[in-house]
Amino acid sequence: MTADPSVLVSEAFEAQRDRLRAVAYRVLGSHADAEDVVQEAWMRLVRQDEATIGNLAGWLTTVVGRISLDLLRARQAHPETAYEQEFADLVVTPDDDPAPDEQVALADSVGLALLVVLDSLTPSERLAFVLHDMFAVPFQEIGQILGKSTDATKMVASRARRKVRTTDRPAGRGREHRAVVQAFGAAALSGDFEALLRVLDPNVKLTVDTPDGLVVTLGSTKVATGARMFSGEVARHRPVLVNGIPGHMSWGPDGSPLSIIAFTVTEGRITSIHIVVDPAKLASVHLPTPD
């Protein structure tokens, strides 16, 4: 009895699903977006004449790559969307020195830290780096997605690789970054304006996610002036990792979470601060407990 072609196609797709999801997640940095991309790839496969597909794995990778690239470019055109996606999959863990048996548990956090580095790349660079360096997709196939020649695609990937290697990774220099974050916290708590300026990059960007939307502040002087992260209603706080980068978590007197704060540190200074104070978003995240 001959198997139903539609069943064979479905089984072949399911065999590729985990890999496609991994590709989309590394390109986009969002589990939700990755799922959507994989589902869209399935819908396109259903509409495609299977006789025209010579290599299903390659065809699906190309489709996922193109959809992901379109999403990356859309984010670049709408920065507010990029911020929302960055915090779509918040993973908050205690920032403690790991015991040997905890190293495996931190592997995903290291991966999240790499996503922070990938955010510094252009959409084309990010796609080329992820597909070639992480999933060994040939440059010729990547070039078809980007609309570039094989040689030009190699140059894009090489440029991306240099940026990744030279970017000051939070996971790679954790102790130094923690020291910068701790210095900022101490200065904010004591109200030491000059000390705040010493740890803030002149062009630092502060983004606060509130129930009413995003509030953005630019420049070290304005950010230092408004630094009140450990004052007011804050009763307890502790260092945490937010998607793999240094941060702080704070709670009110009644034990309810007040904020999640993530810091990006580059060359010894804080270049961006992201604060989530929206109660609905805080409630949707699995959070550690106070010390």
C-alpha atoms as a PDB file:
ATOM      1  CA  MET A   1       0.000   0.000   0.000  1.00  0.00           C
ATOM      2  CA  THR A   2       1.444   3.351  -1.068  1.00  0.00           C
ATOM      3  CA  ALA A   3       1.788   5.913   1.718  1.00  0.00           C
ATOM      4  CA  ASP A   4      -0.221   9.126   1.511  1.00  0.00           C
ATOM      5  CA  PRO A   5       2.116  11.826   0.058  1.00  0.00           C
ATOM      6  CA  SER A   6       0.732  14.419   2.475  1.00  0.00           C
ATOM      7  CA  VAL A   7       1.608  12.157   5.395  1.00  0.00           C
ATOM      8  CA  LEU A   8       5.142  11.711   4.101  1.00  0.00           C
ATOM      9  CA  VAL A   9       5.570  15.470   3.747  1.00  0.00           C
ATOM     10  CA  SER A  10       4.257  16.022   7.272  1.00  0.00           C
ATOM     11  CA  GLU A  11       6.608  13.428   8.719  1.00  0.00           C
ATOM     12  CA  ALA A  12       9.571  14.879   6.822  1.00  0.00           C
ATOM     13  CA  PHE A  13       8.741  18.366   8.141  1.00  0.00           C
ATOM     14  CA  GLU A  14       8.379  17.158  11.724  1.00  0.00           C
ATOM     15  CA  ALA A  15      11.821  15.584  11.449  1.00  0.00           C
ATOM     16  CA  GLN A  16      13.176  19.068  10.664  1.00  0.00           C
ATOM     17  CA  ARG A  17      11.075  21.068  13.111  1.00  0.00           C
ATOM     18  CA  ASP A  18      13.522  21.191  16.044  1.00  0.00           C
ATOM     19  CA  ARG A  19      16.400  22.271  13.813  1.00  0.00           C
ATOM     20  CA  LEU A  20      14.283  24.929  12.099  1.00  0.00           C
ATOM     21  CA  ARG A  21      13.108  26.234  15.466  1.00  0.00           C
ATOM     22  CA  ALA A  22      16.720  26.442  16.653  1.00  0.00           C
ATOM     23  CA  VAL A  23      17.741  28.353  13.522  1.00  0.00           C
ATOM     24  CA  ALA A  24      14.877  30.835  13.850  1.00  0.00           C
ATOM     25  CA  TYR A  25      15.501  31.349  17.567  1.00  0.00           C
ATOM     26  CA  ARG A  26      19.201  32.080  17.083  1.00  0.00           C
ATOM     27  CA  VAL A  27      18.404  34.537  14.296  1.00  0.00           C
ATOM     28  CA  LEU A  28      15.518  36.265  16.089  1.00  0.00           C
ATOM     29  CA  GLY A  29      16.217  35.757  19.797  1.00  0.00           C
ATOM     30  CA  SER A  30      12.554  35.089  20.541  1.00  0.00           C
ATOM     31  CA  HIS A  31      10.964  31.700  21.141  1.00  0.00           C
ATOM     32  CA  ALA A  32       7.533  33.038  20.203  1.00  0.00           C
ATOM     33  CA  ASP A  33       8.779  34.471  16.915  1.00  0.00           C
ATOM     34  CA  ALA A  34      10.687  31.274  16.173  1.00  0.00           C
ATOM     35  CA  GLU A  35       7.507  29.230  16.571  1.00  0.00           C
ATOM     36  CA  ASP A  36       5.639  31.603  14.262  1.00  0.00           C
ATOM     37  CA  VAL A  37       8.371  31.391  11.639  1.00  0.00           C
ATOM     38  CA  VAL A  38       8.403  27.591  11.696  1.00  0.00           C
ATOM     39  CA  GLN A  39       4.615  27.510  11.377  1.00  0.00           C
ATOM     40  CA  GLU A  40       4.766  29.874   8.414  1.00  0.00           C
ATOM     41  CA  ALA A  41       7.408  27.634   6.810  1.00  0.00           C
ATOM     42  CA  TRP A  42       5.014  24.693   7.191  1.00  0.00           C
ATOM     43  CA  MET A  43       2.194  26.645   5.524  1.00  0.00           C
ATOM     44  CA  ARG A  44       4.447  27.501   2.600  1.00  0.00           C
ATOM     45  CA  LEU A  45       5.525  23.888   2.298  1.00  0.00           C
ATOM     46  CA  VAL A  46       1.889  22.760   2.120  1.00  0.00           C
ATOM     47  CA  ARG A  47       1.292  25.181  -0.767  1.00  0.00           C
ATOM     48  CA  GLN A  48       4.493  24.143  -2.593  1.00  0.00           C
ATOM     49  CA  ASP A  49       4.621  21.455  -5.269  1.00  0.00           C
ATOM     50  CA  GLU A  50       6.821  18.882  -3.560  1.00  0.00           C
ATOM     51  CA  ALA A  51       8.133  17.744  -6.949  1.00  0.00           C
ATOM     52  CA  THR A  52       9.962  21.102  -7.220  1.00  0.00           C
ATOM     53  CA  ILE A  53      11.850  20.546  -3.941  1.00  0.00           C
ATOM     54  CA  GLY A  54      15.077  18.668  -4.445  1.00  0.00           C
ATOM     55  CA  ASN A  55      16.443  19.031  -0.919  1.00  0.00           C
ATOM     56  CA  LEU A  56      13.741  19.485   1.702  1.00  0.00           C
ATOM     57  CA  ALA A  57      16.104  20.411   4.545  1.00  0.00           C
ATOM     58  CA  GLY A  58      17.822  23.032   2.412  1.00  0.00           C
ATOM     59  CA  TRP A  59      14.521  24.375   1.089  1.00  0.00           C
ATOM     60  CA  LEU A  60      13.082  24.737   4.591  1.00  0.00           C
ATOM     61  CA  THR A  61      16.232  26.404   5.905  1.00  0.00           C
ATOM     62  CA  THR A  62      16.045  28.924   3.069  1.00  0.00           C
ATOM     63  CA  VAL A  63      12.390  29.650   3.774  1.00  0.00           C
ATOM     64  CA  VAL A  64      12.987  30.057   7.522  1.00  0.00           C
ATOM     65  CA  GLY A  65      15.995  32.263   6.790  1.00  0.00           C
ATOM     66  CA  ARG A  66      14.018  34.549   4.483  1.00  0.00           C
ATOM     67  CA  ILE A  67      11.102  34.912   6.881  1.00  0.00           C
ATOM     68  CA  SER A  68      13.475  35.601   9.774  1.00  0.00           C
ATOM     69  CA  LEU A  69      15.412  38.161   7.746  1.00  0.00           C
ATOM     70  CA  ASP A  70      12.190  40.005   6.938  1.00  0.00           C
ATOM     71  CA  LEU A  71      11.326  40.101  10.657  1.00  0.00           C
ATOM     72  CA  LEU A  72      14.791  41.400  11.576  1.00  0.00           C
ATOM     73  CA  ARG A  73      14.523  44.173   9.005  1.00  0.00           C
ATOM     74  CA  ALA A  74      11.054  45.086  10.276  1.00  0.00           C
ATOM     75  CA  ARG A  75      12.442  45.382  13.799  1.00  0.00           C
ATOM     76  CA  GLN A  76      15.233  47.635  12.567  1.00  0.00           C
ATOM     77  CA  ALA A  77      12.649  49.916  10.951  1.00  0.00           C
ATOM     78  CA  HIS A  78      10.611  49.992  14.173  1.00  0.00           C
ATOM     79  CA  PRO A  79      12.955  50.136  17.206  1.00  0.00           C
ATOM     80  CA  GLU A  80      10.071  49.915  19.674  1.00  0.00           C
ATOM     81  CA  THR A  81       9.227  46.501  18.251  1.00  0.00           C
ATOM     82  CA  ALA A  82      12.853  45.410  18.629  1.00  0.00           C
ATOM     83  CA  TYR A  83      12.737  46.338  22.317  1.00  0.00           C
ATOM     84  CA  GLU A  84       9.510  44.425  22.838  1.00  0.00           C
ATOM     85  CA  GLN A  85      10.999  41.337  21.207  1.00  0.00           C
ATOM     86  CA  GLU A  86      14.175  41.621  23.252  1.00  0.00           C
ATOM     87  CA  PHE A  87      12.086  41.303  26.403  1.00  0.00           C
ATOM     88  CA  ALA A  88       9.565  38.848  24.991  1.00  0.00           C
ATOM     89  CA  ASP A  89      11.417  35.893  26.544  1.00  0.00           C
ATOM     90  CA  LEU A  90      12.720  37.151  29.872  1.00  0.00           C
ATOM     91  CA  VAL A  91      14.848  34.648  31.759  1.00  0.00           C
ATOM     92  CA  VAL A  92      15.811  35.902  35.217  1.00  0.00           C
ATOM     93  CA  THR A  93      18.156  33.829  37.373  1.00  0.00           C
ATOM     94  CA  PRO A  94      20.126  34.542  40.575  1.00  0.00           C
ATOM     95  CA  ASP A  95      23.596  35.876  39.809  1.00  0.00           C
ATOM     96  CA  ASP A  96      25.543  33.645  42.179  1.00  0.00           C
ATOM     97  CA  ASP A  97      28.906  31.996  41.696  1.00  0.00           C
ATOM     98  CA  PRO A  98      27.936  28.611  40.269  1.00  0.00           C
ATOM     99  CA  ALA A  99      28.920  25.369  41.889  1.00  0.00           C
ATOM    100  CA  PRO A 100      30.398  22.775  39.502  1.00  0.00           C
ATOM    101  CA  ASP A 101      27.116  20.853  39.280  1.00  0.00           C
ATOM    102  CA  GLU A 102      25.285  24.044  38.272  1.00  0.00           C
ATOM    103  CA  GLN A 103      27.368  24.706  35.187  1.00  0.00           C
ATOM    104  CA  VAL A 104      25.081  22.718  32.915  1.00  0.00           C
ATOM    105  CA  ALA A 105      22.057  24.619  34.190  1.00  0.00           C
ATOM    106  CA  LEU A 106      23.702  27.874  33.141  1.00  0.00           C
ATOM    107  CA  ALA A 107      24.349  26.778  29.558  1.00  0.00           C
ATOM    108  CA  ASP A 108      21.122  28.353  28.326  1.00  0.00           C
ATOM    109  CA  SER A 109      22.018  31.606  30.076  1.00  0.00           C
ATOM    110  CA  VAL A 110      25.324  31.701  28.200  1.00  0.00           C
ATOM    111  CA  GLY A 111      23.382  31.221  24.992  1.00  0.00           C
ATOM    112  CA  LEU A 112      21.167  34.152  25.903  1.00  0.00           C
ATOM    113  CA  ALA A 113      24.251  36.285  26.491  1.00  0.00           C
ATOM    114  CA  LEU A 114      25.364  35.462  22.948  1.00  0.00           C
ATOM    115  CA  LEU A 115      22.023  36.754  21.690  1.00  0.00           C
ATOM    116  CA  VAL A 116      22.881  40.093  23.269  1.00  0.00           C
ATOM    117  CA  VAL A 117      26.060  40.151  21.173  1.00  0.00           C
ATOM    118  CA  LEU A 118      24.145  39.182  18.040  1.00  0.00           C
ATOM    119  CA  ASP A 119      21.884  42.200  18.550  1.00  0.00           C
ATOM    120  CA  SER A 120      24.849  44.393  17.593  1.00  0.00           C
ATOM    121  CA  LEU A 121      24.855  42.950  14.062  1.00  0.00           C
ATOM    122  CA  THR A 122      22.881  44.109  11.042  1.00  0.00           C
ATOM    123  CA  PRO A 123      20.104  41.753   9.886  1.00  0.00           C
ATOM    124  CA  SER A 124      22.251  40.422   7.020  1.00  0.00           C
ATOM    125  CA  GLU A 125      25.272  39.930   9.278  1.00  0.00           C
ATOM    126  CA  ARG A 126      23.241  38.167  11.910  1.00  0.00           C
ATOM    127  CA  LEU A 127      21.621  35.807   9.436  1.00  0.00           C
ATOM    128  CA  ALA A 128      24.926  34.982   7.729  1.00  0.00           C
ATOM    129  CA  PHE A 129      26.716  34.392  11.049  1.00  0.00           C
ATOM    130  CA  VAL A 130      23.985  32.200  12.515  1.00  0.00           C
ATOM    131  CA  LEU A 131      23.397  30.102   9.411  1.00  0.00           C
ATOM    132  CA  HIS A 132      27.061  29.548   8.555  1.00  0.00           C
ATOM    133  CA  ASP A 133      28.896  29.542  11.871  1.00  0.00           C
ATOM    134  CA  MET A 134      26.198  27.845  13.960  1.00  0.00           C
ATOM    135  CA  PHE A 135      24.425  25.620  11.450  1.00  0.00           C
ATOM    136  CA  ALA A 136      27.030  25.125   8.692  1.00  0.00           C
ATOM    137  CA  VAL A 137      24.757  26.326   5.885  1.00  0.00           C
ATOM    138  CA  PRO A 138      26.840  26.856   2.697  1.00  0.00           C
ATOM    139  CA  PHE A 139      27.538  30.465   1.705  1.00  0.00           C
ATOM    140  CA  GLN A 140      25.931  29.888  -1.680  1.00  0.00           C
ATOM    141  CA  GLU A 141      22.582  29.085  -0.026  1.00  0.00           C
ATOM    142  CA  ILE A 142      22.891  32.015   2.379  1.00  0.00           C
ATOM    143  CA  GLY A 143      23.648  34.272  -0.561  1.00  0.00           C
ATOM    144  CA  GLN A 144      20.376  33.239  -2.189  1.00  0.00           C
ATOM    145  CA  ILE A 145      18.521  34.372   0.911  1.00  0.00           C
ATOM    146  CA  LEU A 146      20.386  37.684   1.103  1.00  0.00           C
ATOM    147  CA  GLY A 147      20.321  38.303  -2.635  1.00  0.00           C
ATOM    148  CA  LYS A 148      24.120  38.462  -2.735  1.00  0.00           C
ATOM    149  CA  SER A 149      26.885  36.571  -4.480  1.00  0.00           C
ATOM    150  CA  THR A 150      28.740  33.840  -2.634  1.00  0.00           C
ATOM    151  CA  ASP A 151      31.842  36.031  -2.271  1.00  0.00           C
ATOM    152  CA  ALA A 152      29.810  38.968  -0.991  1.00  0.00           C
ATOM    153  CA  THR A 153      28.078  36.693   1.503  1.00  0.00           C
ATOM    154  CA  LYS A 154      31.440  35.465   2.771  1.00  0.00           C
ATOM    155  CA  MET A 155      32.419  39.080   3.388  1.00  0.00           C
ATOM    156  CA  VAL A 156      29.197  39.724   5.309  1.00  0.00           C
ATOM    157  CA  ALA A 157      29.792  36.662   7.491  1.00  0.00           C
ATOM    158  CA  SER A 158      33.425  37.630   8.045  1.00  0.00           C
ATOM    159  CA  ARG A 159      32.409  41.125   9.128  1.00  0.00           C
ATOM    160  CA  ALA A 160      29.867  39.634  11.531  1.00  0.00           C
ATOM    161  CA  ARG A 161      32.447  37.234  12.930  1.00  0.00           C
ATOM    162  CA  ARG A 162      34.858  40.098  13.660  1.00  0.00           C
ATOM    163  CA  LYS A 163      32.139  42.031  15.483  1.00  0.00           C
ATOM    164  CA  VAL A 164      31.194  39.011  17.583  1.00  0.00           C
ATOM    165  CA  ARG A 165      34.818  38.400  18.518  1.00  0.00           C
ATOM    166  CA  THR A 166      35.498  42.004  19.481  1.00  0.00           C
ATOM    167  CA  THR A 167      32.233  42.742  21.276  1.00  0.00           C
ATOM    168  CA  ASP A 168      32.640  42.869  25.036  1.00  0.00           C
ATOM    169  CA  ARG A 169      30.457  39.879  25.929  1.00  0.00           C
ATOM    170  CA  PRO A 170      28.635  40.034  29.254  1.00  0.00           C
ATOM    171  CA  ALA A 171      29.134  36.299  29.800  1.00  0.00           C
ATOM    172  CA  GLY A 172      32.813  36.497  28.954  1.00  0.00           C
ATOM    173  CA  ARG A 173      33.725  39.198  31.412  1.00  0.00           C
ATOM    174  CA  GLY A 174      31.127  38.630  34.083  1.00  0.00           C
ATOM    175  CA  ARG A 175      33.190  39.723  37.082  1.00  0.00           C
ATOM    176  CA  GLU A 176      34.226  43.025  35.545  1.00  0.00           C
ATOM    177  CA  HIS A 177      30.680  43.733  34.434  1.00  0.00           C
ATOM    178  CA  ARG A 178      29.288  42.886  37.848  1.00  0.00           C
ATOM    179  CA  ALA A 179      31.743  45.343  39.386  1.00  0.00           C
ATOM    180  CA  VAL A 180      30.500  48.113  37.075  1.00  0.00           C
ATOM    181  CA  VAL A 181      26.871  47.307  37.862  1.00  0.00           C
ATOM    182  CA  GLN A 182      27.589  47.204  41.595  1.00  0.00           C
ATOM    183  CA  ALA A 183      29.361  50.557  41.370  1.00  0.00           C
ATOM    184  CA  PHE A 184      26.312  52.035  39.657  1.00  0.00           C
ATOM    185  CA  GLY A 185      24.013  50.629  42.343  1.00  0.00           C
ATOM    186  CA  ALA A 186      26.131  51.999  45.160  1.00  0.00           C
ATOM    187  CA  ALA A 187      26.309  55.414  43.523  1.00  0.00           C
ATOM    188  CA  ALA A 188      22.558  55.476  42.923  1.00  0.00           C
ATOM    189  CA  LEU A 189      21.850  54.475  46.519  1.00  0.00           C
ATOM    190  CA  SER A 190      24.126  57.154  47.932  1.00  0.00           C
ATOM    191  CA  GLY A 191      23.118  59.797  45.403  1.00  0.00           C
ATOM    192  CA  ASP A 192      26.733  60.245  44.238  1.00  0.00           C
ATOM    193  CA  PHE A 193      26.186  62.027  40.924  1.00  0.00           C
ATOM    194  CA  GLU A 194      29.857  62.100  39.920  1.00  0.00           C
ATOM    195  CA  ALA A 195      30.278  58.394  40.631  1.00  0.00           C
ATOM    196  CA  LEU A 196      27.266  57.665  38.440  1.00  0.00           C
ATOM    197  CA  LEU A 197      28.788  59.613  35.570  1.00  0.00           C
ATOM    198  CA  ARG A 198      32.014  57.624  35.881  1.00  0.00           C
ATOM    199  CA  VAL A 199      30.266  54.313  35.181  1.00  0.00           C
ATOM    200  CA  LEU A 200      27.811  55.561  32.541  1.00  0.00           C
ATOM    201  CA  ASP A 201      28.680  55.852  28.882  1.00  0.00           C
ATOM    202  CA  PRO A 202      28.017  59.436  27.687  1.00  0.00           C
ATOM    203  CA  ASN A 203      25.440  58.087  25.217  1.00  0.00           C
ATOM    204  CA  VAL A 204      23.804  55.608  27.597  1.00  0.00           C
ATOM    205  CA  LYS A 205      20.182  54.729  26.835  1.00  0.00           C
ATOM    206  CA  LEU A 206      17.678  54.066  29.606  1.00  0.00           C
ATOM    207  CA  THR A 207      14.434  52.337  28.615  1.00  0.00           C
ATOM    208  CA  VAL A 208      11.705  51.814  31.191  1.00  0.00           C
ATOM    209  CA  ASP A 209       8.870  49.427  30.397  1.00  0.00           C
ATOM    210  CA  THR A 210       5.838  50.811  32.272  1.00  0.00           C
ATOM    211  CA  PRO A 211       2.125  49.912  32.225  1.00  0.00           C
ATOM    212  CA  ASP A 212       1.601  52.975  29.998  1.00  0.00           C
ATOM    213  CA  GLY A 213       4.323  52.085  27.503  1.00  0.00           C
ATOM    214  CA  LEU A 214       8.044  52.676  27.037  1.00  0.00           C
ATOM    215  CA  VAL A 215       9.843  55.690  28.478  1.00  0.00           C
ATOM    216  CA  VAL A 216      13.271  56.369  26.973  1.00  0.00           C
ATOM    217  CA  THR A 217      15.992  58.612  28.411  1.00  0.00           C
ATOM    218  CA  LEU A 218      19.223  59.340  26.538  1.00  0.00           C
ATOM    219  CA  GLY A 219      22.563  60.616  27.862  1.00  0.00           C
ATOM    220  CA  SER A 220      24.546  60.057  31.044  1.00  0.00           C
ATOM    221  CA  THR A 221      23.566  63.341  32.698  1.00  0.00           C
ATOM    222  CA  LYS A 222      19.826  62.684  32.431  1.00  0.00           C
ATOM    223  CA  VAL A 223      20.161  59.038  33.398  1.00  0.00           C
ATOM    224  CA  ALA A 224      22.329  59.861  36.417  1.00  0.00           C
ATOM    225  CA  THR A 225      19.909  62.573  37.496  1.00  0.00           C
ATOM    226  CA  GLY A 226      17.001  60.163  37.460  1.00  0.00           C
ATOM    227  CA  ALA A 227      18.780  57.177  39.007  1.00  0.00           C
ATOM    228  CA  ARG A 228      16.593  56.024  41.881  1.00  0.00           C
ATOM    229  CA  MET A 229      16.695  52.271  41.364  1.00  0.00           C
ATOM    230  CA  PHE A 230      17.408  51.420  45.022  1.00  0.00           C
ATOM    231  CA  SER A 231      15.310  54.087  46.688  1.00  0.00           C
ATOM    232  CA  GLY A 232      11.664  54.799  47.356  1.00  0.00           C
ATOM    233  CA  GLU A 233       9.576  51.681  47.779  1.00  0.00           C
ATOM    234  CA  VAL A 234      12.456  49.238  47.301  1.00  0.00           C
ATOM    235  CA  ALA A 235      12.818  47.069  50.386  1.00  0.00           C
ATOM    236  CA  ARG A 236      15.035  44.273  49.093  1.00  0.00           C
ATOM    237  CA  HIS A 237      17.114  43.679  46.011  1.00  0.00           C
ATOM    238  CA  ARG A 238      19.594  41.149  44.708  1.00  0.00           C
ATOM    239  CA  PRO A 239      21.886  40.747  41.695  1.00  0.00           C
ATOM    240  CA  VAL A 240      20.438  38.615  38.910  1.00  0.00           C
ATOM    241  CA  LEU A 241      21.154  37.675  35.336  1.00  0.00           C
ATOM    242  CA  VAL A 242      18.572  38.966  32.881  1.00  0.00           C
ATOM    243  CA  ASN A 243      18.781  36.992  29.656  1.00  0.00           C
ATOM    244  CA  GLY A 244      22.370  36.277  30.542  1.00  0.00           C
ATOM    245  CA  ILE A 245      23.509  39.844  31.287  1.00  0.00           C
ATOM    246  CA  PRO A 246      24.095  41.545  34.673  1.00  0.00           C
ATOM    247  CA  GLY A 247      21.064  43.014  36.374  1.00  0.00           C
ATOM    248  CA  HIS A 248      19.134  43.604  39.573  1.00  0.00           C
ATOM    249  CA  MET A 249      15.781  42.465  40.877  1.00  0.00           C
ATOM    250  CA  SER A 250      13.912  44.496  43.510  1.00  0.00           C
ATOM    251  CA  TRP A 251      10.952  43.810  45.785  1.00  0.00           C
ATOM    252  CA  GLY A 252       8.672  46.017  47.845  1.00  0.00           C
ATOM    253  CA  PRO A 253       8.014  45.724  51.619  1.00  0.00           C
ATOM    254  CA  ASP A 254       5.198  43.251  50.997  1.00  0.00           C
ATOM    255  CA  GLY A 255       7.474  40.983  48.950  1.00  0.00           C
ATOM    256  CA  SER A 256       5.912  41.867  45.597  1.00  0.00           C
ATOM    257  CA  PRO A 257       8.344  42.343  42.679  1.00  0.00           C
ATOM    258  CA  LEU A 258       8.942  45.972  41.756  1.00  0.00           C
ATOM    259  CA  SER A 259      11.419  45.851  38.893  1.00  0.00           C
ATOM    260  CA  ILE A 260      13.776  43.867  36.733  1.00  0.00           C
ATOM    261  CA  ILE A 261      16.811  45.837  35.623  1.00  0.00           C
ATOM    262  CA  ALA A 262      19.307  44.728  32.967  1.00  0.00           C
ATOM    263  CA  PHE A 263      22.604  46.456  32.182  1.00  0.00           C
ATOM    264  CA  THR A 264      24.701  46.256  29.039  1.00  0.00           C
ATOM    265  CA  VAL A 265      28.359  47.002  29.776  1.00  0.00           C
ATOM    266  CA  THR A 266      30.878  47.830  27.069  1.00  0.00           C
ATOM    267  CA  GLU A 267      34.531  48.705  27.706  1.00  0.00           C
ATOM    268  CA  GLY A 268      33.936  49.272  31.406  1.00  0.00           C
ATOM    269  CA  ARG A 269      30.899  51.543  31.101  1.00  0.00           C
ATOM    270  CA  ILE A 270      27.158  51.014  31.074  1.00  0.00           C
ATOM    271  CA  THR A 271      25.839  51.630  27.565  1.00  0.00           C
ATOM    272  CA  SER A 272      22.198  50.702  28.129  1.00  0.00           C
ATOM    273  CA  ILE A 273      19.826  50.067  31.003  1.00  0.00           C
ATOM    274  CA  HIS A 274      16.522  48.277  30.565  1.00  0.00           C
ATOM    275  CA  ILE A 275      14.002  48.395  33.386  1.00  0.00           C
ATOM    276  CA  VAL A 276      10.736  46.477  33.513  1.00  0.00           C
ATOM    277  CA  VAL A 277       8.256  47.844  36.078  1.00  0.00           C
ATOM    278  CA  ASP A 278       5.022  46.830  34.351  1.00  0.00           C
ATOM    279  CA  PRO A 279       3.276  44.586  36.922  1.00  0.00           C
ATOM    280  CA  ALA A 280       1.661  42.482  34.186  1.00  0.00           C
ATOM    281  CA  LYS A 281       5.030  41.654  32.640  1.00  0.00           C
ATOM    282  CA  LEU A 282       6.611  41.019  36.021  1.00  0.00           C
ATOM    283  CA  ALA A 283       3.807  38.610  36.853  1.00  0.00           C
ATOM    284  CA  SER A 284       4.376  36.681  33.621  1.00  0.00           C
ATOM    285  CA  VAL A 285       8.035  35.904  34.385  1.00  0.00           C
ATOM    286  CA  HIS A 286       9.367  33.149  36.649  1.00  0.00           C
ATOM    287  CA  LEU A 287      11.350  35.167  39.184  1.00  0.00           C
ATOM    288  CA  PRO A 288      13.865  34.288  41.888  1.00  0.00           C
ATOM    289  CA  THR A 289      13.092  35.029  45.527  1.00  0.00           C
ATOM    290  CA  PRO A 290      14.797  37.751  47.604  1.00  0.00           C
ATOM    291  CA  ASP A 291      17.960  36.784  49.494  1.00  0.00           C
END
